[in-house]
């Protein structure tokens, strides 16, 4: 599993410096709350994935530490349907022939903007990818992108605890967990 990103707010569409500053200031209280939300439920994904694979009869080695995927070397060749990073060192270290990677890119709350004007209500969000790399050639056996967005039911703007939006955040985490594990069932 990749290193877990910090739980945060994201403002796609606020692209210029002034727009980013306006979005950040307008959502200060929301960001402060979101950064207190736990993401621990995502950490158990690797053990659950291992249990599902064992149930199917596979021999599984769980890598305890988080993998910093960005720190891995890029592959020198550009074969189609192959990993962009070189996972062979992990294969040698753990004596693996295949590597299941769960890569979480973003976790938190997403609020779209059109320049410095909000264009939608905030939504709980988890995004990333899950993929199985065949270490003999670095090709993907399967690859699945995951992007879960969940809206608050009812009013989202109920600070300081934002119960509706917090619930949407936890629903996004559950949806992402299900999406990551579905190919293994």
C-alpha atoms as a PDB file:
ATOM      1  CA  UNK A   1       0.000   0.000   0.000  1.00  0.00           C
ATOM      2  CA  UNK A   2       1.251   3.477  -0.803  1.00  0.00           C
ATOM      3  CA  UNK A   3       1.970   6.137   1.767  1.00  0.00           C
ATOM      4  CA  UNK A   4      -1.296   7.664   2.951  1.00  0.00           C
ATOM      5  CA  UNK A   5      -1.795  11.294   1.936  1.00  0.00           C
ATOM      6  CA  UNK A   6      -2.875  13.837   4.513  1.00  0.00           C
ATOM      7  CA  UNK A   7      -6.653  14.269   4.770  1.00  0.00           C
ATOM      8  CA  UNK A   8      -7.311  17.677   3.211  1.00  0.00           C
ATOM      9  CA  UNK A   9      -9.614  19.848   1.110  1.00  0.00           C
ATOM     10  CA  UNK A  10      -9.154  20.123  -2.658  1.00  0.00           C
ATOM     11  CA  UNK A  11     -10.430  22.917  -4.907  1.00  0.00           C
ATOM     12  CA  UNK A  12     -10.278  21.855  -8.568  1.00  0.00           C
ATOM     13  CA  UNK A  13     -11.012  24.718 -10.929  1.00  0.00           C
ATOM     14  CA  UNK A  14      -9.411  27.328  -8.658  1.00  0.00           C
ATOM     15  CA  UNK A  15      -6.263  27.439 -10.746  1.00  0.00           C
ATOM     16  CA  UNK A  16      -4.768  30.945 -10.601  1.00  0.00           C
ATOM     17  CA  UNK A  17      -2.980  32.117  -7.443  1.00  0.00           C
ATOM     18  CA  UNK A  18      -5.752  34.569  -6.536  1.00  0.00           C
ATOM     19  CA  UNK A  19      -8.382  31.864  -7.112  1.00  0.00           C
ATOM     20  CA  UNK A  20      -6.519  29.390  -4.884  1.00  0.00           C
ATOM     21  CA  UNK A  21      -6.165  32.007  -2.154  1.00  0.00           C
ATOM     22  CA  UNK A  22      -9.865  32.938  -2.361  1.00  0.00           C
ATOM     23  CA  UNK A  23     -10.936  29.280  -2.177  1.00  0.00           C
ATOM     24  CA  UNK A  24      -8.595  28.609   0.721  1.00  0.00           C
ATOM     25  CA  UNK A  25      -9.784  31.621   2.737  1.00  0.00           C
ATOM     26  CA  UNK A  26     -13.463  30.933   2.014  1.00  0.00           C
ATOM     27  CA  UNK A  27     -13.082  27.363   3.296  1.00  0.00           C
ATOM     28  CA  UNK A  28     -10.774  27.891   6.285  1.00  0.00           C
ATOM     29  CA  UNK A  29     -13.188  26.454   8.874  1.00  0.00           C
ATOM     30  CA  UNK A  30     -14.082  23.544   6.605  1.00  0.00           C
ATOM     31  CA  UNK A  31     -10.411  22.738   5.974  1.00  0.00           C
ATOM     32  CA  UNK A  32      -9.639  22.877   9.703  1.00  0.00           C
ATOM     33  CA  UNK A  33     -12.418  20.354  10.351  1.00  0.00           C
ATOM     34  CA  UNK A  34     -11.540  18.065   7.436  1.00  0.00           C
ATOM     35  CA  UNK A  35      -7.916  17.821   8.579  1.00  0.00           C
ATOM     36  CA  UNK A  36      -9.142  16.314  11.885  1.00  0.00           C
ATOM     37  CA  UNK A  37     -11.012  13.453  10.174  1.00  0.00           C
ATOM     38  CA  UNK A  38      -9.403   9.998  10.437  1.00  0.00           C
ATOM     39  CA  UNK A  39      -8.457   7.886   7.436  1.00  0.00           C
ATOM     40  CA  UNK A  40      -7.616   4.747   9.449  1.00  0.00           C
ATOM     41  CA  UNK A  41     -10.324   2.684   7.734  1.00  0.00           C
ATOM     42  CA  UNK A  42      -8.259   2.775   4.540  1.00  0.00           C
ATOM     43  CA  UNK A  43      -5.197   1.331   6.283  1.00  0.00           C
ATOM     44  CA  UNK A  44      -6.891  -2.032   6.838  1.00  0.00           C
ATOM     45  CA  UNK A  45      -7.314  -2.493   3.060  1.00  0.00           C
ATOM     46  CA  UNK A  46      -4.062  -4.402   2.646  1.00  0.00           C
ATOM     47  CA  UNK A  47      -4.981  -6.976   5.311  1.00  0.00           C
ATOM     48  CA  UNK A  48      -8.470  -7.400   3.855  1.00  0.00           C
ATOM     49  CA  UNK A  49      -7.046  -7.813   0.348  1.00  0.00           C
ATOM     50  CA  UNK A  50      -4.570 -10.401   1.663  1.00  0.00           C
ATOM     51  CA  UNK A  51      -7.388 -12.331   3.366  1.00  0.00           C
ATOM     52  CA  UNK A  52      -9.415 -12.402   0.136  1.00  0.00           C
ATOM     53  CA  UNK A  53      -6.415 -13.664  -1.842  1.00  0.00           C
ATOM     54  CA  UNK A  54      -5.623 -16.331   0.772  1.00  0.00           C
ATOM     55  CA  UNK A  55      -9.243 -17.458   0.607  1.00  0.00           C
ATOM     56  CA  UNK A  56      -8.692 -18.102  -3.121  1.00  0.00           C
ATOM     57  CA  UNK A  57      -5.633 -20.222  -2.327  1.00  0.00           C
ATOM     58  CA  UNK A  58      -2.867 -17.722  -3.130  1.00  0.00           C
ATOM     59  CA  UNK A  59       0.300 -17.492  -1.066  1.00  0.00           C
ATOM     60  CA  UNK A  60       0.388 -13.903   0.204  1.00  0.00           C
ATOM     61  CA  UNK A  61       3.168 -11.765   1.678  1.00  0.00           C
ATOM     62  CA  UNK A  62       1.956  -8.499   3.222  1.00  0.00           C
ATOM     63  CA  UNK A  63       4.480  -5.658   3.103  1.00  0.00           C
ATOM     64  CA  UNK A  64       4.052  -3.995   6.492  1.00  0.00           C
ATOM     65  CA  UNK A  65       5.559  -0.601   5.696  1.00  0.00           C
ATOM     66  CA  UNK A  66       4.015   1.906   3.320  1.00  0.00           C
ATOM     67  CA  UNK A  67       5.564   2.060  -0.145  1.00  0.00           C
ATOM     68  CA  UNK A  68       6.600   5.497  -1.384  1.00  0.00           C
ATOM     69  CA  UNK A  69       5.725   4.882  -5.019  1.00  0.00           C
ATOM     70  CA  UNK A  70       7.038   8.274  -6.150  1.00  0.00           C
ATOM     71  CA  UNK A  71      10.486   7.329  -4.766  1.00  0.00           C
ATOM     72  CA  UNK A  72      10.665   4.159  -6.886  1.00  0.00           C
ATOM     73  CA  UNK A  73      12.725   4.485 -10.066  1.00  0.00           C
ATOM     74  CA  UNK A  74      10.932   5.050 -13.353  1.00  0.00           C
ATOM     75  CA  UNK A  75      11.163   2.258 -15.892  1.00  0.00           C
ATOM     76  CA  UNK A  76      13.522   2.917 -18.769  1.00  0.00           C
ATOM     77  CA  UNK A  77      11.359   1.190 -21.371  1.00  0.00           C
ATOM     78  CA  UNK A  78       7.814   2.184 -22.236  1.00  0.00           C
ATOM     79  CA  UNK A  79       6.012  -1.053 -22.930  1.00  0.00           C
ATOM     80  CA  UNK A  80       2.231  -0.891 -23.370  1.00  0.00           C
ATOM     81  CA  UNK A  81       0.129  -2.057 -20.405  1.00  0.00           C
ATOM     82  CA  UNK A  82       3.157  -1.950 -18.093  1.00  0.00           C
ATOM     83  CA  UNK A  83       3.838  -0.167 -14.826  1.00  0.00           C
ATOM     84  CA  UNK A  84       5.520   3.193 -15.120  1.00  0.00           C
ATOM     85  CA  UNK A  85       7.545   2.540 -11.942  1.00  0.00           C
ATOM     86  CA  UNK A  86      10.062  -0.276 -11.511  1.00  0.00           C
ATOM     87  CA  UNK A  87       8.798  -2.606  -8.774  1.00  0.00           C
ATOM     88  CA  UNK A  88      11.505  -5.255  -9.333  1.00  0.00           C
ATOM     89  CA  UNK A  89      13.480  -4.311  -6.183  1.00  0.00           C
ATOM     90  CA  UNK A  90      10.392  -5.066  -4.073  1.00  0.00           C
ATOM     91  CA  UNK A  91       9.991  -8.356  -5.910  1.00  0.00           C
ATOM     92  CA  UNK A  92      13.565  -9.354  -5.073  1.00  0.00           C
ATOM     93  CA  UNK A  93      13.375  -8.127  -1.472  1.00  0.00           C
ATOM     94  CA  UNK A  94      10.153  -9.996  -0.648  1.00  0.00           C
ATOM     95  CA  UNK A  95      10.580 -12.884  -3.153  1.00  0.00           C
ATOM     96  CA  UNK A  96       7.411 -12.022  -5.077  1.00  0.00           C
ATOM     97  CA  UNK A  97       6.241 -12.841  -8.576  1.00  0.00           C
ATOM     98  CA  UNK A  98       3.243 -10.479  -8.444  1.00  0.00           C
ATOM     99  CA  UNK A  99       2.610  -7.301  -6.465  1.00  0.00           C
ATOM    100  CA  UNK A 100      -0.807  -5.914  -5.579  1.00  0.00           C
ATOM    101  CA  UNK A 101      -0.530  -2.144  -5.146  1.00  0.00           C
ATOM    102  CA  UNK A 102      -3.182   0.003  -3.482  1.00  0.00           C
ATOM    103  CA  UNK A 103      -2.273   3.607  -4.179  1.00  0.00           C
ATOM    104  CA  UNK A 104      -4.291   6.313  -2.427  1.00  0.00           C
ATOM    105  CA  UNK A 105      -3.766   9.671  -4.149  1.00  0.00           C
ATOM    106  CA  UNK A 106      -6.232  11.922  -2.316  1.00  0.00           C
ATOM    107  CA  UNK A 107      -8.525  11.620   0.658  1.00  0.00           C
ATOM    108  CA  UNK A 108     -10.680  14.384   2.098  1.00  0.00           C
ATOM    109  CA  UNK A 109     -13.213  16.815   0.707  1.00  0.00           C
ATOM    110  CA  UNK A 110     -13.473  18.076  -2.862  1.00  0.00           C
ATOM    111  CA  UNK A 111     -15.164  21.380  -3.728  1.00  0.00           C
ATOM    112  CA  UNK A 112     -15.235  22.460  -7.351  1.00  0.00           C
ATOM    113  CA  UNK A 113     -14.599  26.047  -8.355  1.00  0.00           C
ATOM    114  CA  UNK A 114     -14.894  28.133 -11.492  1.00  0.00           C
ATOM    115  CA  UNK A 115     -11.958  30.497 -10.964  1.00  0.00           C
ATOM    116  CA  UNK A 116     -12.668  31.956  -7.510  1.00  0.00           C
ATOM    117  CA  UNK A 117     -16.417  31.160  -7.451  1.00  0.00           C
ATOM    118  CA  UNK A 118     -17.601  27.849  -5.935  1.00  0.00           C
ATOM    119  CA  UNK A 119     -19.451  25.824  -8.571  1.00  0.00           C
ATOM    120  CA  UNK A 120     -20.716  23.057  -6.309  1.00  0.00           C
ATOM    121  CA  UNK A 121     -21.132  21.861  -2.757  1.00  0.00           C
ATOM    122  CA  UNK A 122     -18.217  20.059  -1.118  1.00  0.00           C
ATOM    123  CA  UNK A 123     -18.165  16.265  -1.368  1.00  0.00           C
ATOM    124  CA  UNK A 124     -16.350  13.546   0.544  1.00  0.00           C
ATOM    125  CA  UNK A 125     -13.656  12.129  -1.724  1.00  0.00           C
ATOM    126  CA  UNK A 126     -11.170   9.276  -2.018  1.00  0.00           C
ATOM    127  CA  UNK A 127      -9.173   8.754  -5.202  1.00  0.00           C
ATOM    128  CA  UNK A 128      -6.409   6.427  -6.231  1.00  0.00           C
ATOM    129  CA  UNK A 129      -5.732   3.209  -8.089  1.00  0.00           C
ATOM    130  CA  UNK A 130      -5.369  -0.478  -7.421  1.00  0.00           C
ATOM    131  CA  UNK A 131      -3.283  -2.655  -9.692  1.00  0.00           C
ATOM    132  CA  UNK A 132      -1.658  -6.052  -9.890  1.00  0.00           C
ATOM    133  CA  UNK A 133       1.847  -5.956 -11.373  1.00  0.00           C
ATOM    134  CA  UNK A 134       3.352  -9.134 -12.805  1.00  0.00           C
ATOM    135  CA  UNK A 135       6.989  -8.636 -11.783  1.00  0.00           C
ATOM    136  CA  UNK A 136       8.178 -10.776 -14.688  1.00  0.00           C
ATOM    137  CA  UNK A 137       8.065  -7.980 -17.261  1.00  0.00           C
ATOM    138  CA  UNK A 138       6.320  -5.356 -15.068  1.00  0.00           C
ATOM    139  CA  UNK A 139       3.005  -5.684 -16.944  1.00  0.00           C
ATOM    140  CA  UNK A 140      -0.365  -5.050 -15.357  1.00  0.00           C
ATOM    141  CA  UNK A 141      -2.524  -8.133 -14.777  1.00  0.00           C
ATOM    142  CA  UNK A 142      -5.282  -5.665 -13.920  1.00  0.00           C
ATOM    143  CA  UNK A 143      -5.607  -1.954 -13.199  1.00  0.00           C
ATOM    144  CA  UNK A 144      -8.528  -0.115 -11.623  1.00  0.00           C
ATOM    145  CA  UNK A 145      -8.836   3.608 -10.942  1.00  0.00           C
ATOM    146  CA  UNK A 146     -10.937   4.533  -7.953  1.00  0.00           C
ATOM    147  CA  UNK A 147     -12.652   7.869  -7.457  1.00  0.00           C
ATOM    148  CA  UNK A 148     -15.418   8.021  -4.895  1.00  0.00           C
ATOM    149  CA  UNK A 149     -17.329  11.266  -4.399  1.00  0.00           C
ATOM    150  CA  UNK A 150     -20.204  11.451  -1.924  1.00  0.00           C
ATOM    151  CA  UNK A 151     -22.467  14.434  -1.324  1.00  0.00           C
ATOM    152  CA  UNK A 152     -23.912  15.334   2.038  1.00  0.00           C
ATOM    153  CA  UNK A 153     -27.563  14.461   2.439  1.00  0.00           C
ATOM    154  CA  UNK A 154     -29.235  17.687   3.430  1.00  0.00           C
ATOM    155  CA  UNK A 155     -27.308  20.801   4.388  1.00  0.00           C
ATOM    156  CA  UNK A 156     -23.523  20.457   4.316  1.00  0.00           C
ATOM    157  CA  UNK A 157     -22.684  23.857   5.854  1.00  0.00           C
ATOM    158  CA  UNK A 158     -23.241  23.065   9.534  1.00  0.00           C
ATOM    159  CA  UNK A 159     -19.938  24.119  11.092  1.00  0.00           C
ATOM    160  CA  UNK A 160     -17.947  23.625  13.150  1.00  0.00           C
ATOM    161  CA  UNK A 161     -18.495  19.837  13.082  1.00  0.00           C
ATOM    162  CA  UNK A 162     -20.111  19.557   9.612  1.00  0.00           C
ATOM    163  CA  UNK A 163     -22.034  16.327  10.428  1.00  0.00           C
ATOM    164  CA  UNK A 164     -23.573  15.894   6.958  1.00  0.00           C
ATOM    165  CA  UNK A 165     -20.288  16.411   5.138  1.00  0.00           C
ATOM    166  CA  UNK A 166     -18.384  14.256   7.654  1.00  0.00           C
ATOM    167  CA  UNK A 167     -20.864  11.456   6.978  1.00  0.00           C
ATOM    168  CA  UNK A 168     -20.336  11.909   3.220  1.00  0.00           C
ATOM    169  CA  UNK A 169     -16.568  11.644   3.799  1.00  0.00           C
ATOM    170  CA  UNK A 170     -16.959   8.318   5.613  1.00  0.00           C
ATOM    171  CA  UNK A 171     -19.307   7.081   2.867  1.00  0.00           C
ATOM    172  CA  UNK A 172     -16.613   7.919   0.290  1.00  0.00           C
ATOM    173  CA  UNK A 173     -14.094   5.890   2.308  1.00  0.00           C
ATOM    174  CA  UNK A 174     -16.470   2.906   2.422  1.00  0.00           C
ATOM    175  CA  UNK A 175     -17.174   3.198  -1.307  1.00  0.00           C
ATOM    176  CA  UNK A 176     -13.448   3.313  -2.066  1.00  0.00           C
ATOM    177  CA  UNK A 177     -12.790   0.273   0.129  1.00  0.00           C
ATOM    178  CA  UNK A 178     -15.471  -1.665  -1.743  1.00  0.00           C
ATOM    179  CA  UNK A 179     -14.104  -0.539  -5.128  1.00  0.00           C
ATOM    180  CA  UNK A 180     -10.527  -1.556  -4.264  1.00  0.00           C
ATOM    181  CA  UNK A 181     -11.597  -4.996  -3.000  1.00  0.00           C
ATOM    182  CA  UNK A 182     -14.171  -5.807  -5.710  1.00  0.00           C
ATOM    183  CA  UNK A 183     -11.668  -7.249  -8.251  1.00  0.00           C
ATOM    184  CA  UNK A 184     -10.398  -9.640  -5.566  1.00  0.00           C
ATOM    185  CA  UNK A 185     -13.797 -11.163  -4.757  1.00  0.00           C
END
